[in-house]
Amino acid sequence: MRRKAVQFLAIALSTAAFGIGAASAAQAGDYNTDGVRIRQTPYTSDTRVNGLGYRSQTITPICFSEGTNVSGNSYWTKHKNNNTGVVGFASETLLNKIAQPHC
């Protein structure tokens, strides 16, 4: 009985460790969530969306601007999605990398 418990524990721990590693690898990009709208302007009232960003993708920040307040932060980064070539704005609350110069 003890041997079965040890085998179960070993399998459970290795599965948990694998799950953690897989989750970390999926978040290696510059967006902190999937489906981030890359907007024409830094305002959510502007319905023009140039494309979408995903966690596995990287960006090149261009500049930052003030715009619609999202979760207490009104700064938006204009950037290029390196995977799709799309350029536009995303709220800094949705990015892991932000721009320094003001637009």
PDB file of N, CA and C in Angstrom:
ATOM      1  N   MET A   1       0.826  -1.192   0.000  1.00  0.00           N
ATOM      2  CA  MET A   1       0.000   0.000   0.000  1.00  0.00           C
ATOM      3  C   MET A   1       0.871   1.258   0.000  1.00  0.00           C
ATOM      4  N   ARG A   2       1.919   1.242   0.802  1.00  0.00           N
ATOM      5  CA  ARG A   2       2.797   2.405   0.887  1.00  0.00           C
ATOM      6  C   ARG A   2       3.469   2.669  -0.468  1.00  0.00           C
ATOM      7  N   ARG A   3       3.855   1.592  -1.154  1.00  0.00           N
ATOM      8  CA  ARG A   3       4.514   1.725  -2.452  1.00  0.00           C
ATOM      9  C   ARG A   3       3.586   2.410  -3.460  1.00  0.00           C
ATOM     10  N   LYS A   4       2.313   2.045  -3.474  1.00  0.00           N
ATOM     11  CA  LYS A   4       1.351   2.667  -4.389  1.00  0.00           C
ATOM     12  C   LYS A   4       1.193   4.150  -4.067  1.00  0.00           C
ATOM     13  N   ALA A   5       1.187   4.493  -2.782  1.00  0.00           N
ATOM     14  CA  ALA A   5       1.074   5.895  -2.380  1.00  0.00           C
ATOM     15  C   ALA A   5       2.289   6.687  -2.851  1.00  0.00           C
ATOM     16  N   VAL A   6       3.476   6.102  -2.740  1.00  0.00           N
ATOM     17  CA  VAL A   6       4.699   6.769  -3.192  1.00  0.00           C
ATOM     18  C   VAL A   6       4.672   6.947  -4.710  1.00  0.00           C
ATOM     19  N   GLN A   7       4.230   5.920  -5.447  1.00  0.00           N
ATOM     20  CA  GLN A   7       4.134   6.025  -6.903  1.00  0.00           C
ATOM     21  C   GLN A   7       3.143   7.115  -7.294  1.00  0.00           C
ATOM     22  N   PHE A   8       2.006   7.165  -6.641  1.00  0.00           N
ATOM     23  CA  PHE A   8       0.999   8.179  -6.922  1.00  0.00           C
ATOM     24  C   PHE A   8       1.561   9.571  -6.679  1.00  0.00           C
ATOM     25  N   LEU A   9       2.251   9.741  -5.544  1.00  0.00           N
ATOM     26  CA  LEU A   9       2.826  11.032  -5.203  1.00  0.00           C
ATOM     27  C   LEU A   9       3.879  11.442  -6.236  1.00  0.00           C
ATOM     28  N   ALA A  10       4.718  10.509  -6.658  1.00  0.00           N
ATOM     29  CA  ALA A  10       5.753  10.809  -7.652  1.00  0.00           C
ATOM     30  C   ALA A  10       5.126  11.254  -8.972  1.00  0.00           C
ATOM     31  N   ILE A  11       4.085  10.573  -9.396  1.00  0.00           N
ATOM     32  CA  ILE A  11       3.403  10.938 -10.644  1.00  0.00           C
ATOM     33  C   ILE A  11       2.734  12.299 -10.504  1.00  0.00           C
ATOM     34  N   ALA A  12       2.083  12.536  -9.384  1.00  0.00           N
ATOM     35  CA  ALA A  12       1.403  13.814  -9.159  1.00  0.00           C
ATOM     36  C   ALA A  12       2.396  14.969  -9.158  1.00  0.00           C
ATOM     37  N   LEU A  13       3.535  14.794  -8.497  1.00  0.00           N
ATOM     38  CA  LEU A  13       4.537  15.858  -8.445  1.00  0.00           C
ATOM     39  C   LEU A  13       5.155  16.119  -9.810  1.00  0.00           C
ATOM     40  N   SER A  14       5.451  15.079 -10.566  1.00  0.00           N
ATOM     41  CA  SER A  14       6.044  15.288 -11.891  1.00  0.00           C
ATOM     42  C   SER A  14       5.043  15.949 -12.831  1.00  0.00           C
ATOM     43  N   THR A  15       3.785  15.615 -12.720  1.00  0.00           N
ATOM     44  CA  THR A  15       2.749  16.249 -13.537  1.00  0.00           C
ATOM     45  C   THR A  15       2.612  17.718 -13.180  1.00  0.00           C
ATOM     46  N   ALA A  16       2.626  18.036 -11.891  1.00  0.00           N
ATOM     47  CA  ALA A  16       2.526  19.426 -11.453  1.00  0.00           C
ATOM     48  C   ALA A  16       3.724  20.224 -11.936  1.00  0.00           C
ATOM     49  N   ALA A  17       4.910  19.656 -11.841  1.00  0.00           N
ATOM     50  CA  ALA A  17       6.115  20.355 -12.294  1.00  0.00           C
ATOM     51  C   ALA A  17       6.058  20.605 -13.791  1.00  0.00           C
ATOM     52  N   PHE A  18       5.588  19.630 -14.565  1.00  0.00           N
ATOM     53  CA  PHE A  18       5.467  19.804 -16.011  1.00  0.00           C
ATOM     54  C   PHE A  18       4.461  20.897 -16.331  1.00  0.00           C
ATOM     55  N   GLY A  19       3.365  20.938 -15.625  1.00  0.00           N
ATOM     56  CA  GLY A  19       2.336  21.950 -15.853  1.00  0.00           C
ATOM     57  C   GLY A  19       2.846  23.351 -15.606  1.00  0.00           C
ATOM     58  N   ILE A  20       3.641  23.523 -14.562  1.00  0.00           N
ATOM     59  CA  ILE A  20       4.192  24.842 -14.253  1.00  0.00           C
ATOM     60  C   ILE A  20       5.139  25.277 -15.357  1.00  0.00           C
ATOM     61  N   GLY A  21       5.996  24.384 -15.819  1.00  0.00           N
ATOM     62  CA  GLY A  21       6.935  24.713 -16.887  1.00  0.00           C
ATOM     63  C   GLY A  21       6.228  25.103 -18.167  1.00  0.00           C
ATOM     64  N   ALA A  22       5.180  24.402 -18.504  1.00  0.00           N
ATOM     65  CA  ALA A  22       4.444  24.695 -19.727  1.00  0.00           C
ATOM     66  C   ALA A  22       3.774  26.055 -19.637  1.00  0.00           C
ATOM     67  N   ALA A  23       3.236  26.412 -18.488  1.00  0.00           N
ATOM     68  CA  ALA A  23       2.579  27.706 -18.322  1.00  0.00           C
ATOM     69  C   ALA A  23       3.591  28.831 -18.446  1.00  0.00           C
ATOM     70  N   SER A  24       4.780  28.658 -17.904  1.00  0.00           N
ATOM     71  CA  SER A  24       5.803  29.689 -17.982  1.00  0.00           C
ATOM     72  C   SER A  24       6.240  29.910 -19.423  1.00  0.00           C
ATOM     73  N   ALA A  25       6.416  28.849 -20.168  1.00  0.00           N
ATOM     74  CA  ALA A  25       6.856  28.964 -21.551  1.00  0.00           C
ATOM     75  C   ALA A  25       5.812  29.682 -22.398  1.00  0.00           C
ATOM     76  N   ALA A  26       4.545  29.513 -22.105  1.00  0.00           N
ATOM     77  CA  ALA A  26       3.483  30.134 -22.882  1.00  0.00           C
ATOM     78  C   ALA A  26       3.430  31.642 -22.673  1.00  0.00           C
ATOM     79  N   GLN A  27       4.032  32.145 -21.616  1.00  0.00           N
ATOM     80  CA  GLN A  27       3.970  33.564 -21.305  1.00  0.00           C
ATOM     81  C   GLN A  27       5.296  34.264 -21.579  1.00  0.00           C
ATOM     82  N   ALA A  28       6.062  33.794 -22.542  1.00  0.00           N
ATOM     83  CA  ALA A  28       7.390  34.332 -22.794  1.00  0.00           C
ATOM     84  C   ALA A  28       7.383  35.617 -23.615  1.00  0.00           C
ATOM     85  N   GLY A  29       6.238  36.040 -24.127  1.00  0.00           N
ATOM     86  CA  GLY A  29       6.177  37.212 -24.992  1.00  0.00           C
ATOM     87  C   GLY A  29       5.984  38.514 -24.244  1.00  0.00           C
ATOM     88  N   ASP A  30       5.614  39.547 -24.998  1.00  0.00           N
ATOM     89  CA  ASP A  30       5.493  40.889 -24.441  1.00  0.00           C
ATOM     90  C   ASP A  30       4.063  41.317 -24.130  1.00  0.00           C
ATOM     91  N   TYR A  31       3.073  40.528 -24.528  1.00  0.00           N
ATOM     92  CA  TYR A  31       1.685  40.776 -24.128  1.00  0.00           C
ATOM     93  C   TYR A  31       1.416  39.911 -22.903  1.00  0.00           C
ATOM     94  N   ASN A  32       0.688  40.434 -21.914  1.00  0.00           N
ATOM     95  CA  ASN A  32       0.445  39.622 -20.712  1.00  0.00           C
ATOM     96  C   ASN A  32      -0.894  38.899 -20.729  1.00  0.00           C
ATOM     97  N   THR A  33      -1.601  38.959 -21.856  1.00  0.00           N
ATOM     98  CA  THR A  33      -2.846  38.216 -22.039  1.00  0.00           C
ATOM     99  C   THR A  33      -3.042  37.982 -23.539  1.00  0.00           C
ATOM    100  N   ASP A  34      -3.939  37.122 -23.900  1.00  0.00           N
ATOM    101  CA  ASP A  34      -4.215  36.849 -25.310  1.00  0.00           C
ATOM    102  C   ASP A  34      -5.336  37.739 -25.832  1.00  0.00           C
ATOM    103  N   GLY A  35      -5.269  38.091 -27.110  1.00  0.00           N
ATOM    104  CA  GLY A  35      -6.322  38.871 -27.748  1.00  0.00           C
ATOM    105  C   GLY A  35      -6.268  40.357 -27.446  1.00  0.00           C
ATOM    106  N   VAL A  36      -5.068  40.887 -27.153  1.00  0.00           N
ATOM    107  CA  VAL A  36      -4.920  42.324 -26.885  1.00  0.00           C
ATOM    108  C   VAL A  36      -5.204  43.089 -28.179  1.00  0.00           C
ATOM    109  N   ARG A  37      -6.124  44.039 -28.111  1.00  0.00           N
ATOM    110  CA  ARG A  37      -6.458  44.843 -29.290  1.00  0.00           C
ATOM    111  C   ARG A  37      -5.347  45.864 -29.544  1.00  0.00           C
ATOM    112  N   ILE A  38      -4.803  45.846 -30.737  1.00  0.00           N
ATOM    113  CA  ILE A  38      -3.809  46.829 -31.159  1.00  0.00           C
ATOM    114  C   ILE A  38      -4.589  47.901 -31.909  1.00  0.00           C
ATOM    115  N   ARG A  39      -4.784  49.041 -31.247  1.00  0.00           N
ATOM    116  CA  ARG A  39      -5.705  50.070 -31.739  1.00  0.00           C
ATOM    117  C   ARG A  39      -5.009  51.141 -32.572  1.00  0.00           C
ATOM    118  N   GLN A  40      -5.798  51.793 -33.400  1.00  0.00           N
ATOM    119  CA  GLN A  40      -5.318  52.907 -34.216  1.00  0.00           C
ATOM    120  C   GLN A  40      -4.934  54.096 -33.336  1.00  0.00           C
ATOM    121  N   THR A  41      -5.680  54.330 -32.260  1.00  0.00           N
ATOM    122  CA  THR A  41      -5.423  55.437 -31.328  1.00  0.00           C
ATOM    123  C   THR A  41      -5.463  54.891 -29.899  1.00  0.00           C
ATOM    124  N   PRO A  42      -4.996  55.667 -28.910  1.00  0.00           N
ATOM    125  CA  PRO A  42      -4.995  55.183 -27.526  1.00  0.00           C
ATOM    126  C   PRO A  42      -6.326  55.388 -26.789  1.00  0.00           C
ATOM    127  N   TYR A  43      -7.420  55.216 -27.489  1.00  0.00           N
ATOM    128  CA  TYR A  43      -8.741  55.424 -26.884  1.00  0.00           C
ATOM    129  C   TYR A  43      -9.657  54.235 -27.185  1.00  0.00           C
ATOM    130  N   THR A  44     -10.283  53.698 -26.158  1.00  0.00           N
ATOM    131  CA  THR A  44     -11.189  52.565 -26.362  1.00  0.00           C
ATOM    132  C   THR A  44     -12.456  52.980 -27.112  1.00  0.00           C
ATOM    133  N   SER A  45     -12.763  54.278 -27.138  1.00  0.00           N
ATOM    134  CA  SER A  45     -13.940  54.747 -27.880  1.00  0.00           C
ATOM    135  C   SER A  45     -13.704  54.695 -29.392  1.00  0.00           C
ATOM    136  N   ASP A  46     -12.442  54.642 -29.813  1.00  0.00           N
ATOM    137  CA  ASP A  46     -12.106  54.509 -31.231  1.00  0.00           C
ATOM    138  C   ASP A  46     -12.172  53.023 -31.576  1.00  0.00           C
ATOM    139  N   THR A  47     -13.098  52.657 -32.425  1.00  0.00           N
ATOM    140  CA  THR A  47     -13.338  51.238 -32.720  1.00  0.00           C
ATOM    141  C   THR A  47     -12.380  50.656 -33.760  1.00  0.00           C
ATOM    142  N   ARG A  48     -11.459  51.464 -34.281  1.00  0.00           N
ATOM    143  CA  ARG A  48     -10.515  50.959 -35.288  1.00  0.00           C
ATOM    144  C   ARG A  48      -9.440  50.104 -34.610  1.00  0.00           C
ATOM    145  N   VAL A  49      -9.471  48.819 -34.891  1.00  0.00           N
ATOM    146  CA  VAL A  49      -8.498  47.873 -34.339  1.00  0.00           C
ATOM    147  C   VAL A  49      -7.656  47.350 -35.502  1.00  0.00           C
ATOM    148  N   ASN A  50      -6.340  47.527 -35.399  1.00  0.00           N
ATOM    149  CA  ASN A  50      -5.431  47.118 -36.476  1.00  0.00           C
ATOM    150  C   ASN A  50      -5.124  45.628 -36.453  1.00  0.00           C
ATOM    151  N   GLY A  51      -5.209  45.025 -35.263  1.00  0.00           N
ATOM    152  CA  GLY A  51      -4.891  43.611 -35.122  1.00  0.00           C
ATOM    153  C   GLY A  51      -4.967  43.192 -33.666  1.00  0.00           C
ATOM    154  N   LEU A  52      -4.551  41.965 -33.387  1.00  0.00           N
ATOM    155  CA  LEU A  52      -4.577  41.423 -32.028  1.00  0.00           C
ATOM    156  C   LEU A  52      -3.194  40.919 -31.645  1.00  0.00           C
ATOM    157  N   GLY A  53      -2.870  41.038 -30.345  1.00  0.00           N
ATOM    158  CA  GLY A  53      -1.604  40.534 -29.824  1.00  0.00           C
ATOM    159  C   GLY A  53      -1.839  39.376 -28.876  1.00  0.00           C
ATOM    160  N   TYR A  54      -0.885  38.443 -28.836  1.00  0.00           N
ATOM    161  CA  TYR A  54      -0.998  37.245 -28.003  1.00  0.00           C
ATOM    162  C   TYR A  54       0.257  37.057 -27.159  1.00  0.00           C
ATOM    163  N   ARG A  55       0.107  36.351 -26.034  1.00  0.00           N
ATOM    164  CA  ARG A  55       1.186  36.165 -25.059  1.00  0.00           C
ATOM    165  C   ARG A  55       2.502  35.698 -25.656  1.00  0.00           C
ATOM    166  N   SER A  56       2.455  34.853 -26.646  1.00  0.00           N
ATOM    167  CA  SER A  56       3.689  34.292 -27.212  1.00  0.00           C
ATOM    168  C   SER A  56       4.400  35.267 -28.153  1.00  0.00           C
ATOM    169  N   GLN A  57       3.769  36.398 -28.467  1.00  0.00           N
ATOM    170  CA  GLN A  57       4.325  37.335 -29.439  1.00  0.00           C
ATOM    171  C   GLN A  57       5.165  38.421 -28.766  1.00  0.00           C
ATOM    172  N   THR A  58       6.092  38.989 -29.537  1.00  0.00           N
ATOM    173  CA  THR A  58       6.947  40.057 -29.023  1.00  0.00           C
ATOM    174  C   THR A  58       6.627  41.367 -29.727  1.00  0.00           C
ATOM    175  N   ILE A  59       7.051  42.471 -29.097  1.00  0.00           N
ATOM    176  CA  ILE A  59       6.793  43.796 -29.651  1.00  0.00           C
ATOM    177  C   ILE A  59       8.071  44.622 -29.678  1.00  0.00           C
ATOM    178  N   THR A  60       8.040  45.667 -30.502  1.00  0.00           N
ATOM    179  CA  THR A  60       9.054  46.712 -30.477  1.00  0.00           C
ATOM    180  C   THR A  60       8.332  47.999 -30.094  1.00  0.00           C
ATOM    181  N   PRO A  61       8.566  48.523 -28.869  1.00  0.00           N
ATOM    182  CA  PRO A  61       7.924  49.770 -28.453  1.00  0.00           C
ATOM    183  C   PRO A  61       8.420  50.945 -29.303  1.00  0.00           C
ATOM    184  N   ILE A  62       7.524  51.867 -29.622  1.00  0.00           N
ATOM    185  CA  ILE A  62       7.868  53.043 -30.420  1.00  0.00           C
ATOM    186  C   ILE A  62       7.816  54.299 -29.556  1.00  0.00           C
ATOM    187  N   CYS A  63       6.685  54.537 -28.902  1.00  0.00           N
ATOM    188  CA  CYS A  63       6.522  55.701 -28.032  1.00  0.00           C
ATOM    189  C   CYS A  63       5.303  55.471 -27.144  1.00  0.00           C
ATOM    190  N   PHE A  64       5.087  56.371 -26.175  1.00  0.00           N
ATOM    191  CA  PHE A  64       3.902  56.233 -25.327  1.00  0.00           C
ATOM    192  C   PHE A  64       3.067  57.497 -25.405  1.00  0.00           C
ATOM    193  N   SER A  65       1.793  57.370 -25.070  1.00  0.00           N
ATOM    194  CA  SER A  65       0.860  58.484 -25.093  1.00  0.00           C
ATOM    195  C   SER A  65      -0.183  58.287 -24.006  1.00  0.00           C
ATOM    196  N   GLU A  66      -0.855  59.362 -23.649  1.00  0.00           N
ATOM    197  CA  GLU A  66      -1.976  59.253 -22.726  1.00  0.00           C
ATOM    198  C   GLU A  66      -3.227  58.915 -23.534  1.00  0.00           C
ATOM    199  N   GLY A  67      -4.126  58.169 -22.893  1.00  0.00           N
ATOM    200  CA  GLY A  67      -5.362  57.784 -23.555  1.00  0.00           C
ATOM    201  C   GLY A  67      -6.400  57.375 -22.534  1.00  0.00           C
ATOM    202  N   THR A  68      -7.289  56.479 -22.914  1.00  0.00           N
ATOM    203  CA  THR A  68      -8.334  55.984 -22.024  1.00  0.00           C
ATOM    204  C   THR A  68      -7.710  55.309 -20.806  1.00  0.00           C
ATOM    205  N   ASN A  69      -8.241  55.625 -19.629  1.00  0.00           N
ATOM    206  CA  ASN A  69      -7.772  55.007 -18.384  1.00  0.00           C
ATOM    207  C   ASN A  69      -8.248  53.554 -18.338  1.00  0.00           C
ATOM    208  N   VAL A  70      -7.296  52.637 -18.203  1.00  0.00           N
ATOM    209  CA  VAL A  70      -7.597  51.205 -18.111  1.00  0.00           C
ATOM    210  C   VAL A  70      -7.020  50.692 -16.800  1.00  0.00           C
ATOM    211  N   SER A  71      -7.874  50.281 -15.893  1.00  0.00           N
ATOM    212  CA  SER A  71      -7.453  49.748 -14.587  1.00  0.00           C
ATOM    213  C   SER A  71      -6.524  50.707 -13.854  1.00  0.00           C
ATOM    214  N   GLY A  72      -6.835  51.994 -13.909  1.00  0.00           N
ATOM    215  CA  GLY A  72      -6.053  52.992 -13.175  1.00  0.00           C
ATOM    216  C   GLY A  72      -4.812  53.489 -13.898  1.00  0.00           C
ATOM    217  N   ASN A  73      -4.613  53.107 -15.153  1.00  0.00           N
ATOM    218  CA  ASN A  73      -3.429  53.522 -15.908  1.00  0.00           C
ATOM    219  C   ASN A  73      -3.885  54.121 -17.239  1.00  0.00           C
ATOM    220  N   SER A  74      -3.519  55.379 -17.491  1.00  0.00           N
ATOM    221  CA  SER A  74      -3.949  56.042 -18.729  1.00  0.00           C
ATOM    222  C   SER A  74      -2.848  56.081 -19.792  1.00  0.00           C
ATOM    223  N   TYR A  75      -1.754  55.347 -19.575  1.00  0.00           N
ATOM    224  CA  TYR A  75      -0.664  55.328 -20.552  1.00  0.00           C
ATOM    225  C   TYR A  75      -0.821  54.166 -21.536  1.00  0.00           C
ATOM    226  N   TRP A  76      -0.561  54.483 -22.788  1.00  0.00           N
ATOM    227  CA  TRP A  76      -0.642  53.508 -23.869  1.00  0.00           C
ATOM    228  C   TRP A  76       0.679  53.508 -24.629  1.00  0.00           C
ATOM    229  N   THR A  77       1.123  52.347 -25.061  1.00  0.00           N
ATOM    230  CA  THR A  77       2.360  52.232 -25.827  1.00  0.00           C
ATOM    231  C   THR A  77       2.040  51.965 -27.296  1.00  0.00           C
ATOM    232  N   LYS A  78       2.575  52.841 -28.158  1.00  0.00           N
ATOM    233  CA  LYS A  78       2.513  52.570 -29.594  1.00  0.00           C
ATOM    234  C   LYS A  78       3.653  51.601 -29.872  1.00  0.00           C
ATOM    235  N   HIS A  79       3.362  50.542 -30.595  1.00  0.00           N
ATOM    236  CA  HIS A  79       4.351  49.492 -30.802  1.00  0.00           C
ATOM    237  C   HIS A  79       4.109  48.762 -32.116  1.00  0.00           C
ATOM    238  N   LYS A  80       5.114  47.987 -32.481  1.00  0.00           N
ATOM    239  CA  LYS A  80       4.993  47.090 -33.633  1.00  0.00           C
ATOM    240  C   LYS A  80       4.972  45.670 -33.105  1.00  0.00           C
ATOM    241  N   ASN A  81       3.981  44.888 -33.515  1.00  0.00           N
ATOM    242  CA  ASN A  81       3.946  43.465 -33.194  1.00  0.00           C
ATOM    243  C   ASN A  81       4.945  42.794 -34.135  1.00  0.00           C
ATOM    244  N   ASN A  82       6.018  42.254 -33.562  1.00  0.00           N
ATOM    245  CA  ASN A  82       7.088  41.671 -34.381  1.00  0.00           C
ATOM    246  C   ASN A  82       6.655  40.424 -35.148  1.00  0.00           C
ATOM    247  N   ASN A  83       5.613  39.763 -34.692  1.00  0.00           N
ATOM    248  CA  ASN A  83       5.162  38.538 -35.353  1.00  0.00           C
ATOM    249  C   ASN A  83       4.244  38.811 -36.539  1.00  0.00           C
ATOM    250  N   THR A  84       3.450  39.887 -36.456  1.00  0.00           N
ATOM    251  CA  THR A  84       2.471  40.174 -37.510  1.00  0.00           C
ATOM    252  C   THR A  84       2.796  41.430 -38.315  1.00  0.00           C
ATOM    253  N   GLY A  85       3.658  42.298 -37.776  1.00  0.00           N
ATOM    254  CA  GLY A  85       3.975  43.560 -38.440  1.00  0.00           C
ATOM    255  C   GLY A  85       2.971  44.660 -38.168  1.00  0.00           C
ATOM    256  N   VAL A  86       1.923  44.372 -37.406  1.00  0.00           N
ATOM    257  CA  VAL A  86       0.883  45.357 -37.106  1.00  0.00           C
ATOM    258  C   VAL A  86       1.436  46.423 -36.159  1.00  0.00           C
ATOM    259  N   VAL A  87       1.122  47.693 -36.452  1.00  0.00           N
ATOM    260  CA  VAL A  87       1.538  48.813 -35.611  1.00  0.00           C
ATOM    261  C   VAL A  87       0.297  49.479 -35.043  1.00  0.00           C
ATOM    262  N   GLY A  88       0.348  49.851 -33.769  1.00  0.00           N
ATOM    263  CA  GLY A  88      -0.760  50.542 -33.129  1.00  0.00           C
ATOM    264  C   GLY A  88      -0.535  50.661 -31.639  1.00  0.00           C
ATOM    265  N   PHE A  89      -1.575  51.050 -30.924  1.00  0.00           N
ATOM    266  CA  PHE A  89      -1.509  51.294 -29.487  1.00  0.00           C
ATOM    267  C   PHE A  89      -2.147  50.163 -28.688  1.00  0.00           C
ATOM    268  N   ALA A  90      -1.572  49.890 -27.518  1.00  0.00           N
ATOM    269  CA  ALA A  90      -2.177  48.983 -26.537  1.00  0.00           C
ATOM    270  C   ALA A  90      -1.968  49.595 -25.160  1.00  0.00           C
ATOM    271  N   SER A  91      -2.942  49.409 -24.288  1.00  0.00           N
ATOM    272  CA  SER A  91      -2.815  49.899 -22.918  1.00  0.00           C
ATOM    273  C   SER A  91      -1.606  49.257 -22.255  1.00  0.00           C
ATOM    274  N   GLU A  92      -0.843  50.060 -21.507  1.00  0.00           N
ATOM    275  CA  GLU A  92       0.337  49.522 -20.822  1.00  0.00           C
ATOM    276  C   GLU A  92      -0.024  48.478 -19.774  1.00  0.00           C
ATOM    277  N   THR A  93      -1.293  48.426 -19.363  1.00  0.00           N
ATOM    278  CA  THR A  93      -1.710  47.391 -18.409  1.00  0.00           C
ATOM    279  C   THR A  93      -1.698  46.008 -19.059  1.00  0.00           C
ATOM    280  N   LEU A  94      -1.634  45.949 -20.385  1.00  0.00           N
ATOM    281  CA  LEU A  94      -1.680  44.677 -21.113  1.00  0.00           C
ATOM    282  C   LEU A  94      -0.329  44.265 -21.697  1.00  0.00           C
ATOM    283  N   LEU A  95       0.718  45.047 -21.383  1.00  0.00           N
ATOM    284  CA  LEU A  95       2.038  44.800 -21.958  1.00  0.00           C
ATOM    285  C   LEU A  95       3.078  44.520 -20.882  1.00  0.00           C
ATOM    286  N   ASN A  96       4.061  43.700 -21.221  1.00  0.00           N
ATOM    287  CA  ASN A  96       5.195  43.444 -20.334  1.00  0.00           C
ATOM    288  C   ASN A  96       6.371  44.351 -20.666  1.00  0.00           C
ATOM    289  N   LYS A  97       6.294  45.073 -21.777  1.00  0.00           N
ATOM    290  CA  LYS A  97       7.363  45.972 -22.220  1.00  0.00           C
ATOM    291  C   LYS A  97       6.700  47.283 -22.631  1.00  0.00           C
ATOM    292  N   ILE A  98       7.257  48.419 -22.192  1.00  0.00           N
ATOM    293  CA  ILE A  98       6.649  49.713 -22.513  1.00  0.00           C
ATOM    294  C   ILE A  98       7.676  50.636 -23.169  1.00  0.00           C
ATOM    295  N   ALA A  99       7.189  51.707 -23.786  1.00  0.00           N
ATOM    296  CA  ALA A  99       8.048  52.666 -24.484  1.00  0.00           C
ATOM    297  C   ALA A  99       8.422  53.819 -23.567  1.00  0.00           C
ATOM    298  N   GLN A 100       9.582  54.407 -23.801  1.00  0.00           N
ATOM    299  CA  GLN A 100      10.050  55.540 -23.013  1.00  0.00           C
ATOM    300  C   GLN A 100       9.752  56.897 -23.650  1.00  0.00           C
ATOM    301  N   PRO A 101      10.073  57.138 -24.920  1.00  0.00           N
ATOM    302  CA  PRO A 101       9.824  58.490 -25.435  1.00  0.00           C
ATOM    303  C   PRO A 101       8.331  58.743 -25.614  1.00  0.00           C
ATOM    304  N   HIS A 102       7.932  59.971 -25.343  1.00  0.00           N
ATOM    305  CA  HIS A 102       6.540  60.374 -25.551  1.00  0.00           C
ATOM    306  C   HIS A 102       6.313  60.571 -27.045  1.00  0.00           C
ATOM    307  N   CYS A 103       5.121  60.191 -27.529  1.00  0.00           N
ATOM    308  CA  CYS A 103       4.796  60.346 -28.957  1.00  0.00           C
ATOM    309  C   CYS A 103       4.692  61.824 -29.334  1.00  0.00           C
TER     310      CYS A 103
END
